[in-house]
Amino acid sequence: MNLPNKLTLLRVLLIPFFLLFMYINIPFHYLIALVIFSGASITDALDGKIARKRGLVTNFGKFLDPLADKILVIAALTVFVELDDVRMGAIPLIIISAREFMVSGLRLVAADSGVVVAAGIWGKLKTAFTMVTIVGILFWLSLYYDFSFGIPDSVTDAVEDIAIPILIWISTALTVVSGIIYLKGYWNLIDSDK
């Protein structure tokens, strides 16, 4: 197994540990979850670059890399829906998950037609922004709950009631835009008249 594929596999293997530390109530558990998620996100940035630069692109990597990204992001967002400390409803999660299923289905249909659906700039922007948003939320959770700095209630309310929801909805909007662009670009493959 080449290095990019090992990095992708590492990202998948880090997901259960991320979830464990999001749920286990030990000192600095949010900080540990932040470090794990950040490490997993870094592998996402590295594996593709290394694969393309060294000519190590494989079918295994093409399959697992986008799947690992989707599982990592959806796992984090699902945990956020459950947390009282993060003001995230289920609607953004449903929209983001639906887009991921749609693009995966589109890729299957395209592959059957011999077409490769490469990640476009909007898909990359969506992924990057969403991962940065998740890192930011984890940083806030760690700062507020792991370190208990005595942050004023007005700051806490602004972050939890305004900043976090805005970031989540921007991620959701980017997800919708990138999904529409994928659909528009490959609509001829799924046109109901064919």
Protein backbone atom coordinates (compact mmCIF):
# COMPACT_ATOMS: atom_id res chain seq x y z
CA MET A 1 0.00 0.00 0.00
CA ASN A 2 1.43 3.38 -0.99
CA LEU A 3 1.79 6.42 1.30
CA PRO A 4 -1.29 8.36 0.09
CA ASN A 5 -3.48 5.30 0.63
CA LYS A 6 -1.99 4.79 4.10
CA LEU A 7 -2.82 8.41 4.95
CA THR A 8 -6.38 7.94 3.71
CA LEU A 9 -6.74 4.73 5.72
CA LEU A 10 -5.33 6.53 8.77
CA ARG A 11 -8.05 9.16 8.40
CA VAL A 12 -10.71 6.45 8.49
CA LEU A 13 -9.09 4.80 11.52
CA LEU A 14 -8.99 8.12 13.40
CA ILE A 15 -12.78 8.58 13.17
CA PRO A 16 -13.71 6.16 16.01
CA PHE A 17 -11.09 7.78 18.25
CA PHE A 18 -12.47 11.23 17.43
CA LEU A 19 -15.97 10.03 18.35
CA LEU A 20 -14.71 8.38 21.54
CA PHE A 21 -13.17 11.61 22.81
CA MET A 22 -16.21 13.66 21.85
CA TYR A 23 -18.36 11.47 24.09
CA ILE A 24 -16.06 10.40 26.92
CA ASN A 25 -16.04 12.86 29.79
CA ILE A 26 -12.40 13.05 30.82
CA PRO A 27 -10.21 16.12 31.28
CA PHE A 28 -9.40 17.84 27.97
CA HIS A 29 -11.53 15.46 25.92
CA TYR A 30 -12.55 18.23 23.50
CA LEU A 31 -8.90 19.21 23.05
CA ILE A 32 -7.98 15.60 22.25
CA ALA A 33 -10.89 15.37 19.80
CA LEU A 34 -9.69 18.64 18.22
CA VAL A 35 -6.17 17.26 17.77
CA ILE A 36 -7.50 14.02 16.27
CA PHE A 37 -9.88 15.80 13.87
CA SER A 38 -7.16 18.28 12.85
CA GLY A 39 -4.73 15.42 12.20
CA ALA A 40 -7.34 13.61 10.12
CA SER A 41 -8.02 16.80 8.15
CA ILE A 42 -4.31 17.26 7.45
CA THR A 43 -4.14 13.75 5.99
CA ASP A 44 -6.92 14.83 3.61
CA ALA A 45 -4.79 17.70 2.36
CA LEU A 46 -1.68 15.54 2.05
CA ASP A 47 -2.84 12.28 0.49
CA GLY A 48 -4.13 13.75 -2.76
CA LYS A 49 -1.14 16.05 -3.25
CA ILE A 50 1.33 13.24 -2.66
CA ALA A 51 -0.59 10.85 -4.93
CA ARG A 52 -0.68 13.32 -7.82
CA LYS A 53 2.90 14.55 -7.37
CA ARG A 54 4.41 11.05 -7.21
CA GLY A 55 2.05 9.42 -9.70
CA LEU A 56 0.53 7.18 -7.02
CA VAL A 57 -3.15 7.62 -7.88
CA THR A 58 -4.94 4.28 -7.41
CA ASN A 59 -8.51 3.01 -7.64
CA PHE A 60 -8.35 2.29 -3.90
CA GLY A 61 -7.48 5.94 -3.24
CA LYS A 62 -10.15 7.22 -5.63
CA PHE A 63 -12.69 5.12 -3.76
CA LEU A 64 -11.61 5.62 -0.15
CA ASP A 65 -10.47 9.26 -0.14
CA PRO A 66 -13.86 10.90 -0.80
CA LEU A 67 -15.58 8.30 1.39
CA ALA A 68 -13.21 9.04 4.29
CA ASP A 69 -13.88 12.79 3.93
CA LYS A 70 -17.62 12.28 3.99
CA ILE A 71 -17.58 9.96 7.01
CA LEU A 72 -15.27 12.30 8.96
CA VAL A 73 -17.37 15.40 8.32
CA ILE A 74 -20.75 13.72 8.83
CA ALA A 75 -19.51 12.08 12.06
CA ALA A 76 -18.46 15.46 13.47
CA LEU A 77 -21.66 17.23 12.41
CA THR A 78 -23.82 14.42 13.82
CA VAL A 79 -22.10 14.78 17.20
CA PHE A 80 -22.65 18.55 17.06
CA VAL A 81 -26.41 18.02 16.55
CA GLU A 82 -26.44 15.98 19.77
CA LEU A 83 -24.45 18.48 21.83
CA ASP A 84 -26.33 21.11 23.79
CA ASP A 85 -23.18 23.26 23.63
CA VAL A 86 -23.37 23.64 19.83
CA ARG A 87 -26.41 25.33 18.34
CA MET A 88 -26.79 23.08 15.32
CA GLY A 89 -30.08 21.63 14.21
CA ALA A 90 -30.58 18.55 12.11
CA ILE A 91 -31.51 20.47 8.93
CA PRO A 92 -27.92 21.42 7.91
CA LEU A 93 -26.83 17.84 8.62
CA ILE A 94 -29.62 16.46 6.44
CA ILE A 95 -28.80 18.87 3.59
CA ILE A 96 -25.06 18.10 3.76
CA SER A 97 -25.67 14.34 3.97
CA ALA A 98 -28.13 14.44 1.06
CA ARG A 99 -25.60 16.27 -1.11
CA GLU A 100 -22.93 13.71 -0.26
CA PHE A 101 -25.24 10.82 -1.19
CA MET A 102 -26.23 12.61 -4.40
CA VAL A 103 -22.62 13.19 -5.50
CA SER A 104 -21.68 9.60 -4.61
CA GLY A 105 -24.59 8.31 -6.69
CA LEU A 106 -23.62 10.61 -9.53
CA ARG A 107 -20.07 9.28 -9.41
CA LEU A 108 -21.39 5.70 -9.63
CA VAL A 109 -23.52 6.50 -12.69
CA ALA A 110 -20.62 8.40 -14.26
CA ALA A 111 -18.20 5.54 -13.63
CA ASP A 112 -20.64 3.15 -15.29
CA SER A 113 -20.54 5.45 -18.32
CA GLY A 114 -16.73 5.59 -18.25
CA VAL A 115 -16.66 9.17 -16.94
CA VAL A 116 -14.61 10.24 -13.93
CA VAL A 117 -16.23 12.94 -11.76
CA ALA A 118 -13.26 14.83 -10.41
CA ALA A 119 -13.51 17.12 -7.40
CA GLY A 120 -14.12 20.64 -8.64
CA ILE A 121 -13.07 23.91 -7.02
CA TRP A 122 -16.49 24.33 -5.34
CA GLY A 123 -16.33 20.83 -3.87
CA LYS A 124 -12.83 21.51 -2.55
CA LEU A 125 -13.91 24.88 -1.15
CA LYS A 126 -16.92 23.26 0.52
CA THR A 127 -14.76 20.56 2.10
CA ALA A 128 -12.08 23.01 3.26
CA PHE A 129 -14.58 25.49 4.73
CA THR A 130 -16.56 22.76 6.47
CA MET A 131 -13.44 21.23 8.01
CA VAL A 132 -12.21 24.66 9.16
CA THR A 133 -15.66 25.29 10.66
CA ILE A 134 -15.54 21.98 12.54
CA VAL A 135 -12.01 22.74 13.79
CA GLY A 136 -13.22 26.17 14.94
CA ILE A 137 -16.16 24.66 16.82
CA LEU A 138 -13.90 22.06 18.44
CA PHE A 139 -11.46 24.82 19.40
CA TRP A 140 -14.31 26.76 21.04
CA LEU A 141 -15.53 23.68 22.92
CA SER A 142 -12.01 22.99 24.16
CA LEU A 143 -11.40 26.62 25.14
CA TYR A 144 -14.70 26.98 26.96
CA TYR A 145 -15.17 23.56 28.54
CA ASP A 146 -11.67 22.07 28.84
CA PHE A 147 -9.92 25.20 30.07
CA SER A 148 -12.80 27.18 31.66
CA PHE A 149 -11.22 30.60 31.24
CA GLY A 150 -14.21 32.40 32.70
CA ILE A 151 -15.33 33.75 29.35
CA PRO A 152 -18.09 36.36 29.76
CA ASP A 153 -21.63 35.19 29.04
CA SER A 154 -22.00 37.81 26.29
CA VAL A 155 -19.05 36.28 24.40
CA THR A 156 -20.34 32.75 24.97
CA ASP A 157 -23.80 33.73 23.69
CA ALA A 158 -22.32 35.47 20.64
CA VAL A 159 -20.20 32.44 19.73
CA GLU A 160 -22.81 29.77 20.41
CA ASP A 161 -25.92 31.63 19.18
CA ILE A 162 -24.48 33.65 16.28
CA ALA A 163 -20.97 32.67 15.09
CA ILE A 164 -21.34 28.88 15.11
CA PRO A 165 -24.76 28.84 13.37
CA ILE A 166 -23.49 31.30 10.73
CA LEU A 167 -20.45 29.11 10.00
CA ILE A 168 -22.61 26.00 9.80
CA TRP A 169 -25.07 27.66 7.42
CA ILE A 170 -22.22 28.97 5.22
CA SER A 171 -20.91 25.40 5.05
CA THR A 172 -24.40 24.23 4.16
CA ALA A 173 -24.76 26.90 1.45
CA LEU A 174 -21.39 25.94 -0.07
CA THR A 175 -22.52 22.32 0.03
CA VAL A 176 -25.71 23.15 -1.88
CA VAL A 177 -23.86 25.29 -4.45
CA SER A 178 -21.24 22.62 -5.09
CA GLY A 179 -23.96 19.97 -5.38
CA ILE A 180 -25.86 22.04 -7.95
CA ILE A 181 -22.67 22.57 -9.93
CA TYR A 182 -21.98 18.83 -9.96
CA LEU A 183 -25.56 18.11 -11.06
CA LYS A 184 -25.45 20.75 -13.78
CA GLY A 185 -22.10 19.50 -15.08
CA TYR A 186 -23.16 15.85 -15.26
CA TRP A 187 -26.92 16.15 -15.79
CA ASN A 188 -26.63 14.49 -19.20
CA LEU A 189 -25.65 11.24 -17.41
CA ILE A 190 -28.83 11.14 -15.33
CA ASP A 191 -31.31 12.84 -17.66
CA SER A 192 -34.65 11.02 -17.16
CA ASP A 193 -35.30 11.12 -20.90
CA LYS A 194 -32.36 8.77 -21.52
